[in-house]
Amino acid sequence: MDNYHLKEFLDRKVIEYNRPDFISNDPVSIPHLFSKKQDIEIAGFFAAIFSWGNRTTIIQKSKELMQMMDNAPHEFCLNHNHNDLKKLTTFKHRTFNATDLLYFVQFLKYHYQKNKSLEDAFFQKKYFVQSDNLEFIESALNAFYHYFFSLEDPPSRTRKHIASPQKKSTCKRLNMFLRWMVRRDNHLVDFGIWKKISPAQLVCPIDIHVSRVAKKIGFVTRKQTDWQTALELTDHLRTLDEADPVKYDFALFGLGVMEHY
């Protein structure tokens, strides 16, 4: 398939999957439960971090956590007491347990006491070092990792739940979270509430399903699936839409997961 017809095909698939009908069966449904910006950020962050395995379970566990936080995650993170934290000690999702959750809440309290948005966590001056525009998200993700674990004595086991390019990870879940927060269109799936990052700078979330489709259409040549693979895929997607390459995540995900392309 030549580039013109490939773009035409993928554009059709974006329209098919980038619509409100997509929301209810996807983890993005969790931040859609809220209207307050900070609640959307926190709910989206947890839903993205939990996003591996069965989507029904991801949604169920995310809702369970939101209920433990009285369906007011920002208020909970800022003003919880000892008894509130005790409620969280029974929470577990796959390898994410109470130790991890309590540190996440500790970090979110620390951050929101000083900042109005979680977006600022990706641009803390002490950790953010940008070399050029193409490495903008790479710098932001690495900065977020170091800032997230900058509190005193972070549990070593919790580090596996926050990916970073410097560890060669695809950063699939964080890139998905960034897509939710940054992309802006009229289809009501992504929120577009963050302004410091442009949709043009986003990197496409990639997992085994997306990678399989990307290899089939010739957008990925690497055997391993790592950060460089995510960059290779995104570079190809920019040839289709330079301003909004990551909209094709809808097409690649739909083809890979829904259609087993």
C-alpha atoms as a PDB file:
ATOM      1  CA  MET A   1       0.000   0.000   0.000  1.00  0.00           C
ATOM      2  CA  ASP A   2       1.501   3.359  -1.001  1.00  0.00           C
ATOM      3  CA  ASN A   3       1.708   6.256   1.450  1.00  0.00           C
ATOM      4  CA  TYR A   4      -1.350   8.043   0.030  1.00  0.00           C
ATOM      5  CA  HIS A   5      -3.629   5.010   0.344  1.00  0.00           C
ATOM      6  CA  LEU A   6      -2.119   4.065   3.703  1.00  0.00           C
ATOM      7  CA  LYS A   7      -2.909   7.522   5.060  1.00  0.00           C
ATOM      8  CA  GLU A   8      -6.426   7.285   3.650  1.00  0.00           C
ATOM      9  CA  PHE A   9      -6.890   3.870   5.299  1.00  0.00           C
ATOM     10  CA  LEU A  10      -5.525   4.975   8.690  1.00  0.00           C
ATOM     11  CA  ASP A  11      -7.514   8.232   8.625  1.00  0.00           C
ATOM     12  CA  ARG A  12     -10.691   6.162   8.217  1.00  0.00           C
ATOM     13  CA  LYS A  13      -9.686   4.017  11.195  1.00  0.00           C
ATOM     14  CA  VAL A  14      -8.988   7.115  13.331  1.00  0.00           C
ATOM     15  CA  ILE A  15     -12.522   8.337  12.645  1.00  0.00           C
ATOM     16  CA  GLU A  16     -13.886   4.869  13.448  1.00  0.00           C
ATOM     17  CA  TYR A  17     -12.233   4.632  16.862  1.00  0.00           C
ATOM     18  CA  ASN A  18     -11.807   8.275  17.948  1.00  0.00           C
ATOM     19  CA  ARG A  19     -15.385   8.803  19.069  1.00  0.00           C
ATOM     20  CA  PRO A  20     -17.395   8.826  22.323  1.00  0.00           C
ATOM     21  CA  ASP A  21     -18.542   5.214  21.784  1.00  0.00           C
ATOM     22  CA  PHE A  22     -14.900   4.227  22.379  1.00  0.00           C
ATOM     23  CA  ILE A  23     -14.802   5.696  25.899  1.00  0.00           C
ATOM     24  CA  SER A  24     -16.889   3.297  27.997  1.00  0.00           C
ATOM     25  CA  ASN A  25     -14.765   0.208  27.264  1.00  0.00           C
ATOM     26  CA  ASP A  26     -11.410   1.962  27.622  1.00  0.00           C
ATOM     27  CA  PRO A  27      -9.400   3.154  30.661  1.00  0.00           C
ATOM     28  CA  VAL A  28      -9.898   6.732  29.413  1.00  0.00           C
ATOM     29  CA  SER A  29     -13.413   6.333  30.843  1.00  0.00           C
ATOM     30  CA  ILE A  30     -11.974   6.829  34.349  1.00  0.00           C
ATOM     31  CA  PRO A  31     -10.892  10.477  33.988  1.00  0.00           C
ATOM     32  CA  HIS A  32     -14.167  11.051  32.115  1.00  0.00           C
ATOM     33  CA  LEU A  33     -15.945  10.450  35.429  1.00  0.00           C
ATOM     34  CA  PHE A  34     -14.709  13.866  36.598  1.00  0.00           C
ATOM     35  CA  SER A  35     -14.980  17.517  35.607  1.00  0.00           C
ATOM     36  CA  LYS A  36     -12.414  19.186  37.910  1.00  0.00           C
ATOM     37  CA  LYS A  37      -9.046  19.474  36.166  1.00  0.00           C
ATOM     38  CA  GLN A  38      -6.978  18.017  39.001  1.00  0.00           C
ATOM     39  CA  ASP A  39      -9.390  15.084  39.442  1.00  0.00           C
ATOM     40  CA  ILE A  40      -9.140  14.354  35.710  1.00  0.00           C
ATOM     41  CA  GLU A  41      -5.331  14.407  35.965  1.00  0.00           C
ATOM     42  CA  ILE A  42      -5.120  12.100  38.985  1.00  0.00           C
ATOM     43  CA  ALA A  43      -7.790   9.683  37.761  1.00  0.00           C
ATOM     44  CA  GLY A  44      -6.162   9.584  34.332  1.00  0.00           C
ATOM     45  CA  PHE A  45      -2.723   9.055  35.825  1.00  0.00           C
ATOM     46  CA  PHE A  46      -3.806   6.040  37.870  1.00  0.00           C
ATOM     47  CA  ALA A  47      -5.887   4.577  35.022  1.00  0.00           C
ATOM     48  CA  ALA A  48      -2.882   4.861  32.694  1.00  0.00           C
ATOM     49  CA  ILE A  49      -0.467   3.355  35.225  1.00  0.00           C
ATOM     50  CA  PHE A  50      -2.858   0.416  35.731  1.00  0.00           C
ATOM     51  CA  SER A  51      -3.199  -0.117  31.977  1.00  0.00           C
ATOM     52  CA  TRP A  52      -1.706  -3.473  31.353  1.00  0.00           C
ATOM     53  CA  GLY A  53      -3.697  -6.674  30.998  1.00  0.00           C
ATOM     54  CA  ASN A  54      -7.461  -6.987  30.635  1.00  0.00           C
ATOM     55  CA  ARG A  55      -9.188  -3.646  30.010  1.00  0.00           C
ATOM     56  CA  THR A  56     -12.299  -4.642  31.982  1.00  0.00           C
ATOM     57  CA  THR A  57     -10.130  -5.345  35.025  1.00  0.00           C
ATOM     58  CA  ILE A  58      -8.175  -2.096  34.545  1.00  0.00           C
ATOM     59  CA  ILE A  59     -11.410  -0.097  34.552  1.00  0.00           C
ATOM     60  CA  GLN A  60     -12.804  -2.032  37.523  1.00  0.00           C
ATOM     61  CA  LYS A  61      -9.669  -1.553  39.649  1.00  0.00           C
ATOM     62  CA  SER A  62      -9.417   2.123  38.710  1.00  0.00           C
ATOM     63  CA  LYS A  63     -13.036   2.692  39.772  1.00  0.00           C
ATOM     64  CA  GLU A  64     -12.347   0.816  43.002  1.00  0.00           C
ATOM     65  CA  LEU A  65      -9.478   3.150  43.796  1.00  0.00           C
ATOM     66  CA  MET A  66     -11.521   6.253  42.973  1.00  0.00           C
ATOM     67  CA  GLN A  67     -14.223   5.040  45.374  1.00  0.00           C
ATOM     68  CA  MET A  68     -11.586   4.539  48.086  1.00  0.00           C
ATOM     69  CA  MET A  69     -10.689   8.191  47.477  1.00  0.00           C
ATOM     70  CA  ASP A  70     -14.353   9.193  47.949  1.00  0.00           C
ATOM     71  CA  ASN A  71     -14.547   9.990  44.221  1.00  0.00           C
ATOM     72  CA  ALA A  72     -12.605  13.178  44.913  1.00  0.00           C
ATOM     73  CA  PRO A  73      -8.977  12.168  44.244  1.00  0.00           C
ATOM     74  CA  HIS A  74      -7.484  15.685  44.379  1.00  0.00           C
ATOM     75  CA  GLU A  75      -9.153  16.475  47.698  1.00  0.00           C
ATOM     76  CA  PHE A  76      -8.147  13.062  49.020  1.00  0.00           C
ATOM     77  CA  CYS A  77      -4.493  13.412  48.038  1.00  0.00           C
ATOM     78  CA  LEU A  78      -4.225  16.869  49.600  1.00  0.00           C
ATOM     79  CA  ASN A  79      -6.224  16.379  52.800  1.00  0.00           C
ATOM     80  CA  HIS A  80      -6.246  12.687  53.721  1.00  0.00           C
ATOM     81  CA  ASN A  81      -5.707  11.583  57.299  1.00  0.00           C
ATOM     82  CA  HIS A  82      -4.252   8.398  58.790  1.00  0.00           C
ATOM     83  CA  ASN A  83      -7.568   6.533  58.662  1.00  0.00           C
ATOM     84  CA  ASP A  84      -8.028   7.511  55.006  1.00  0.00           C
ATOM     85  CA  LEU A  85      -4.652   5.978  54.185  1.00  0.00           C
ATOM     86  CA  LYS A  86      -5.520   2.802  56.096  1.00  0.00           C
ATOM     87  CA  LYS A  87      -8.381   2.252  53.629  1.00  0.00           C
ATOM     88  CA  LEU A  88      -5.842   2.075  50.808  1.00  0.00           C
ATOM     89  CA  THR A  89      -3.800  -0.748  52.335  1.00  0.00           C
ATOM     90  CA  THR A  90      -6.122  -3.412  50.907  1.00  0.00           C
ATOM     91  CA  PHE A  91      -5.709  -2.193  47.326  1.00  0.00           C
ATOM     92  CA  LYS A  92      -3.880  -4.332  44.778  1.00  0.00           C
ATOM     93  CA  HIS A  93      -3.795  -4.482  40.987  1.00  0.00           C
ATOM     94  CA  ARG A  94      -1.466  -7.086  39.521  1.00  0.00           C
ATOM     95  CA  THR A  95       2.007  -6.124  40.828  1.00  0.00           C
ATOM     96  CA  PHE A  96       0.857  -2.674  42.027  1.00  0.00           C
ATOM     97  CA  ASN A  97       0.219  -2.929  45.759  1.00  0.00           C
ATOM     98  CA  ALA A  98      -0.432  -0.772  48.835  1.00  0.00           C
ATOM     99  CA  THR A  99       3.248   0.177  49.225  1.00  0.00           C
ATOM    100  CA  ASP A 100       3.222   1.615  45.715  1.00  0.00           C
ATOM    101  CA  LEU A 101      -0.143   3.312  46.173  1.00  0.00           C
ATOM    102  CA  LEU A 102       0.839   5.018  49.418  1.00  0.00           C
ATOM    103  CA  TYR A 103       3.964   6.432  47.794  1.00  0.00           C
ATOM    104  CA  PHE A 104       1.943   7.635  44.780  1.00  0.00           C
ATOM    105  CA  VAL A 105      -0.444   9.451  47.125  1.00  0.00           C
ATOM    106  CA  GLN A 106       2.489  10.898  49.075  1.00  0.00           C
ATOM    107  CA  PHE A 107       3.994  12.230  45.852  1.00  0.00           C
ATOM    108  CA  LEU A 108       0.689  13.673  44.627  1.00  0.00           C
ATOM    109  CA  LYS A 109       0.179  15.476  47.934  1.00  0.00           C
ATOM    110  CA  TYR A 110       3.722  16.877  47.760  1.00  0.00           C
ATOM    111  CA  HIS A 111       3.243  18.012  44.175  1.00  0.00           C
ATOM    112  CA  TYR A 112      -0.221  19.548  44.446  1.00  0.00           C
ATOM    113  CA  GLN A 113       0.709  21.470  47.575  1.00  0.00           C
ATOM    114  CA  LYS A 114       3.054  23.501  45.356  1.00  0.00           C
ATOM    115  CA  ASN A 115       1.496  23.213  41.868  1.00  0.00           C
ATOM    116  CA  LYS A 116      -1.963  23.584  40.371  1.00  0.00           C
ATOM    117  CA  SER A 117      -1.521  20.949  37.658  1.00  0.00           C
ATOM    118  CA  LEU A 118       0.200  17.585  37.273  1.00  0.00           C
ATOM    119  CA  GLU A 119       1.529  18.907  33.970  1.00  0.00           C
ATOM    120  CA  ASP A 120       4.112  20.868  35.972  1.00  0.00           C
ATOM    121  CA  ALA A 121       5.580  17.570  37.217  1.00  0.00           C
ATOM    122  CA  PHE A 122       7.081  17.022  33.755  1.00  0.00           C
ATOM    123  CA  PHE A 123       8.868  20.388  33.727  1.00  0.00           C
ATOM    124  CA  GLN A 124      10.506  20.817  37.128  1.00  0.00           C
ATOM    125  CA  LYS A 125      13.570  22.963  36.412  1.00  0.00           C
ATOM    126  CA  LYS A 126      15.850  20.836  38.557  1.00  0.00           C
ATOM    127  CA  TYR A 127      15.211  17.779  36.361  1.00  0.00           C
ATOM    128  CA  PHE A 128      14.105  19.004  32.937  1.00  0.00           C
ATOM    129  CA  VAL A 129      16.987  19.343  30.473  1.00  0.00           C
ATOM    130  CA  GLN A 130      15.928  19.838  26.866  1.00  0.00           C
ATOM    131  CA  SER A 131      18.422  19.501  24.024  1.00  0.00           C
ATOM    132  CA  ASP A 132      16.125  20.016  21.021  1.00  0.00           C
ATOM    133  CA  ASN A 133      12.456  19.971  20.080  1.00  0.00           C
ATOM    134  CA  LEU A 134      12.497  16.379  18.838  1.00  0.00           C
ATOM    135  CA  GLU A 135      13.627  15.182  22.268  1.00  0.00           C
ATOM    136  CA  PHE A 136      11.080  17.314  24.144  1.00  0.00           C
ATOM    137  CA  ILE A 137       8.927  14.436  25.409  1.00  0.00           C
ATOM    138  CA  GLU A 138      11.993  12.307  26.122  1.00  0.00           C
ATOM    139  CA  SER A 139      13.316  15.082  28.358  1.00  0.00           C
ATOM    140  CA  ALA A 140       9.913  15.557  30.007  1.00  0.00           C
ATOM    141  CA  LEU A 141       9.486  11.844  30.757  1.00  0.00           C
ATOM    142  CA  ASN A 142      12.989  11.511  32.184  1.00  0.00           C
ATOM    143  CA  ALA A 143      12.407  14.638  34.289  1.00  0.00           C
ATOM    144  CA  PHE A 144       9.121  13.249  35.570  1.00  0.00           C
ATOM    145  CA  TYR A 145      10.788   9.983  36.621  1.00  0.00           C
ATOM    146  CA  HIS A 146      13.496  11.760  38.636  1.00  0.00           C
ATOM    147  CA  TYR A 147      11.054  14.217  40.174  1.00  0.00           C
ATOM    148  CA  PHE A 148       8.558  11.471  41.055  1.00  0.00           C
ATOM    149  CA  PHE A 149      11.202   9.593  43.023  1.00  0.00           C
ATOM    150  CA  SER A 150      12.789  12.685  44.587  1.00  0.00           C
ATOM    151  CA  LEU A 151      10.927  12.289  47.894  1.00  0.00           C
ATOM    152  CA  GLU A 152      12.816  10.802  50.810  1.00  0.00           C
ATOM    153  CA  ASP A 153      13.313   7.020  50.681  1.00  0.00           C
ATOM    154  CA  PRO A 154      11.002   6.034  47.806  1.00  0.00           C
ATOM    155  CA  PRO A 155      10.309   2.267  47.845  1.00  0.00           C
ATOM    156  CA  SER A 156      12.645   0.565  45.394  1.00  0.00           C
ATOM    157  CA  ARG A 157       9.847  -1.769  44.283  1.00  0.00           C
ATOM    158  CA  THR A 158       7.744   1.223  43.153  1.00  0.00           C
ATOM    159  CA  ARG A 159      10.269   2.334  40.537  1.00  0.00           C
ATOM    160  CA  LYS A 160       9.089  -0.341  38.114  1.00  0.00           C
ATOM    161  CA  HIS A 161       5.701   1.381  37.846  1.00  0.00           C
ATOM    162  CA  ILE A 162       7.080   4.629  36.372  1.00  0.00           C
ATOM    163  CA  ALA A 163       8.863   4.176  33.056  1.00  0.00           C
ATOM    164  CA  SER A 164      11.467   6.449  31.489  1.00  0.00           C
ATOM    165  CA  PRO A 165      13.244   6.633  28.112  1.00  0.00           C
ATOM    166  CA  GLN A 166      16.619   6.515  29.835  1.00  0.00           C
ATOM    167  CA  LYS A 167      15.693   2.984  30.954  1.00  0.00           C
ATOM    168  CA  LYS A 168      14.922   2.127  27.286  1.00  0.00           C
ATOM    169  CA  SER A 169      11.231   1.693  28.048  1.00  0.00           C
ATOM    170  CA  THR A 170       8.563   2.435  25.441  1.00  0.00           C
ATOM    171  CA  CYS A 171       6.815   4.472  28.191  1.00  0.00           C
ATOM    172  CA  LYS A 172       3.544   3.257  26.672  1.00  0.00           C
ATOM    173  CA  ARG A 173       1.365   4.082  29.676  1.00  0.00           C
ATOM    174  CA  LEU A 174       2.806   7.550  30.270  1.00  0.00           C
ATOM    175  CA  ASN A 175       2.644   8.370  26.554  1.00  0.00           C
ATOM    176  CA  MET A 176      -0.998   7.296  26.598  1.00  0.00           C
ATOM    177  CA  PHE A 177      -1.632   9.527  29.627  1.00  0.00           C
ATOM    178  CA  LEU A 178       0.032  12.440  27.830  1.00  0.00           C
ATOM    179  CA  ARG A 179      -2.153  11.798  24.777  1.00  0.00           C
ATOM    180  CA  TRP A 180      -5.265  12.004  26.957  1.00  0.00           C
ATOM    181  CA  MET A 181      -4.176  15.257  28.597  1.00  0.00           C
ATOM    182  CA  VAL A 182      -2.688  17.025  25.537  1.00  0.00           C
ATOM    183  CA  ARG A 183      -4.577  16.127  22.331  1.00  0.00           C
ATOM    184  CA  ARG A 184      -7.365  18.499  21.367  1.00  0.00           C
ATOM    185  CA  ASP A 185     -10.120  17.755  18.846  1.00  0.00           C
ATOM    186  CA  ASN A 186     -13.910  17.689  18.661  1.00  0.00           C
ATOM    187  CA  HIS A 187     -14.359  13.967  19.251  1.00  0.00           C
ATOM    188  CA  LEU A 188     -14.535  14.122  23.074  1.00  0.00           C
ATOM    189  CA  VAL A 189     -12.188  11.213  23.854  1.00  0.00           C
ATOM    190  CA  ASP A 190      -8.968  13.081  24.711  1.00  0.00           C
ATOM    191  CA  PHE A 191      -9.169  16.076  27.063  1.00  0.00           C
ATOM    192  CA  GLY A 192      -6.704  18.656  25.723  1.00  0.00           C
ATOM    193  CA  ILE A 193      -6.388  20.362  29.128  1.00  0.00           C
ATOM    194  CA  TRP A 194      -2.589  20.708  29.085  1.00  0.00           C
ATOM    195  CA  LYS A 195      -1.004  23.536  27.096  1.00  0.00           C
ATOM    196  CA  LYS A 196       2.762  23.305  27.704  1.00  0.00           C
ATOM    197  CA  ILE A 197       3.029  20.309  25.391  1.00  0.00           C
ATOM    198  CA  SER A 198       1.936  20.444  21.769  1.00  0.00           C
ATOM    199  CA  PRO A 199       0.153  17.471  20.147  1.00  0.00           C
ATOM    200  CA  ALA A 200       2.928  17.616  17.523  1.00  0.00           C
ATOM    201  CA  GLN A 201       5.489  16.754  20.235  1.00  0.00           C
ATOM    202  CA  LEU A 202       3.743  13.644  21.557  1.00  0.00           C
ATOM    203  CA  VAL A 203       5.192  10.157  21.111  1.00  0.00           C
ATOM    204  CA  CYS A 204       2.854   7.335  20.129  1.00  0.00           C
ATOM    205  CA  PRO A 205       2.071   4.752  22.820  1.00  0.00           C
ATOM    206  CA  ILE A 206       3.313   1.380  21.614  1.00  0.00           C
ATOM    207  CA  ASP A 207       2.718  -2.126  22.918  1.00  0.00           C
ATOM    208  CA  ILE A 208       2.852  -5.553  21.302  1.00  0.00           C
ATOM    209  CA  HIS A 209      -0.471  -5.012  19.477  1.00  0.00           C
ATOM    210  CA  VAL A 210       0.432  -1.594  18.074  1.00  0.00           C
ATOM    211  CA  SER A 211       3.945  -2.818  17.287  1.00  0.00           C
ATOM    212  CA  ARG A 212       2.556  -5.776  15.302  1.00  0.00           C
ATOM    213  CA  VAL A 213       0.365  -3.512  13.163  1.00  0.00           C
ATOM    214  CA  ALA A 214       3.163  -0.955  12.738  1.00  0.00           C
ATOM    215  CA  LYS A 215       5.533  -3.655  11.496  1.00  0.00           C
ATOM    216  CA  LYS A 216       2.908  -5.003   9.115  1.00  0.00           C
ATOM    217  CA  ILE A 217       2.436  -1.589   7.466  1.00  0.00           C
ATOM    218  CA  GLY A 218       6.206  -0.924   7.431  1.00  0.00           C
ATOM    219  CA  PHE A 219       6.337   1.824  10.077  1.00  0.00           C
ATOM    220  CA  VAL A 220       8.545  -0.199  12.435  1.00  0.00           C
ATOM    221  CA  THR A 221      11.640  -2.155  11.449  1.00  0.00           C
ATOM    222  CA  ARG A 222      13.240  -2.785  14.866  1.00  0.00           C
ATOM    223  CA  LYS A 223      12.945  -6.305  16.282  1.00  0.00           C
ATOM    224  CA  GLN A 224      12.730  -5.188  19.901  1.00  0.00           C
ATOM    225  CA  THR A 225      10.007  -2.900  21.208  1.00  0.00           C
ATOM    226  CA  ASP A 226      11.677  -0.096  23.155  1.00  0.00           C
ATOM    227  CA  TRP A 227      11.911   3.698  23.286  1.00  0.00           C
ATOM    228  CA  GLN A 228      13.667   3.906  19.925  1.00  0.00           C
ATOM    229  CA  THR A 229      10.840   1.846  18.420  1.00  0.00           C
ATOM    230  CA  ALA A 230       8.298   4.341  19.762  1.00  0.00           C
ATOM    231  CA  LEU A 231      10.316   7.158  18.173  1.00  0.00           C
ATOM    232  CA  GLU A 232      10.621   5.296  14.861  1.00  0.00           C
ATOM    233  CA  LEU A 233       6.863   4.759  14.737  1.00  0.00           C
ATOM    234  CA  THR A 234       6.116   8.381  15.650  1.00  0.00           C
ATOM    235  CA  ASP A 235       8.505   9.659  12.968  1.00  0.00           C
ATOM    236  CA  HIS A 236       6.513   7.712  10.363  1.00  0.00           C
ATOM    237  CA  LEU A 237       3.210   8.979  11.760  1.00  0.00           C
ATOM    238  CA  ARG A 238       4.475  12.563  11.430  1.00  0.00           C
ATOM    239  CA  THR A 239       4.721  12.018   7.669  1.00  0.00           C
ATOM    240  CA  LEU A 240       0.934  11.462   7.730  1.00  0.00           C
ATOM    241  CA  ASP A 241       0.084  14.354  10.069  1.00  0.00           C
ATOM    242  CA  GLU A 242       2.909  16.501  11.383  1.00  0.00           C
ATOM    243  CA  ALA A 243       0.662  18.503  13.704  1.00  0.00           C
ATOM    244  CA  ASP A 244      -1.076  15.543  15.336  1.00  0.00           C
ATOM    245  CA  PRO A 245       0.779  12.260  14.690  1.00  0.00           C
ATOM    246  CA  VAL A 246      -0.513  10.476  17.776  1.00  0.00           C
ATOM    247  CA  LYS A 247      -4.132  10.583  16.590  1.00  0.00           C
ATOM    248  CA  TYR A 248      -3.121   7.435  14.693  1.00  0.00           C
ATOM    249  CA  ASP A 249      -2.867   5.642  18.037  1.00  0.00           C
ATOM    250  CA  PHE A 250      -6.629   5.176  17.667  1.00  0.00           C
ATOM    251  CA  ALA A 251      -6.169   3.471  14.299  1.00  0.00           C
ATOM    252  CA  LEU A 252      -3.223   1.269  15.291  1.00  0.00           C
ATOM    253  CA  PHE A 253      -4.802   0.245  18.603  1.00  0.00           C
ATOM    254  CA  GLY A 254      -8.155  -0.475  16.959  1.00  0.00           C
ATOM    255  CA  LEU A 255      -6.559  -2.529  14.202  1.00  0.00           C
ATOM    256  CA  GLY A 256      -4.366  -4.442  16.652  1.00  0.00           C
ATOM    257  CA  VAL A 257      -6.737  -5.086  19.552  1.00  0.00           C
ATOM    258  CA  MET A 258     -10.213  -4.914  18.059  1.00  0.00           C
ATOM    259  CA  GLU A 259      -9.561  -6.283  14.572  1.00  0.00           C
ATOM    260  CA  HIS A 260      -6.472  -8.480  15.229  1.00  0.00           C
ATOM    261  CA  TYR A 261      -4.995  -6.980  12.042  1.00  0.00           C
END
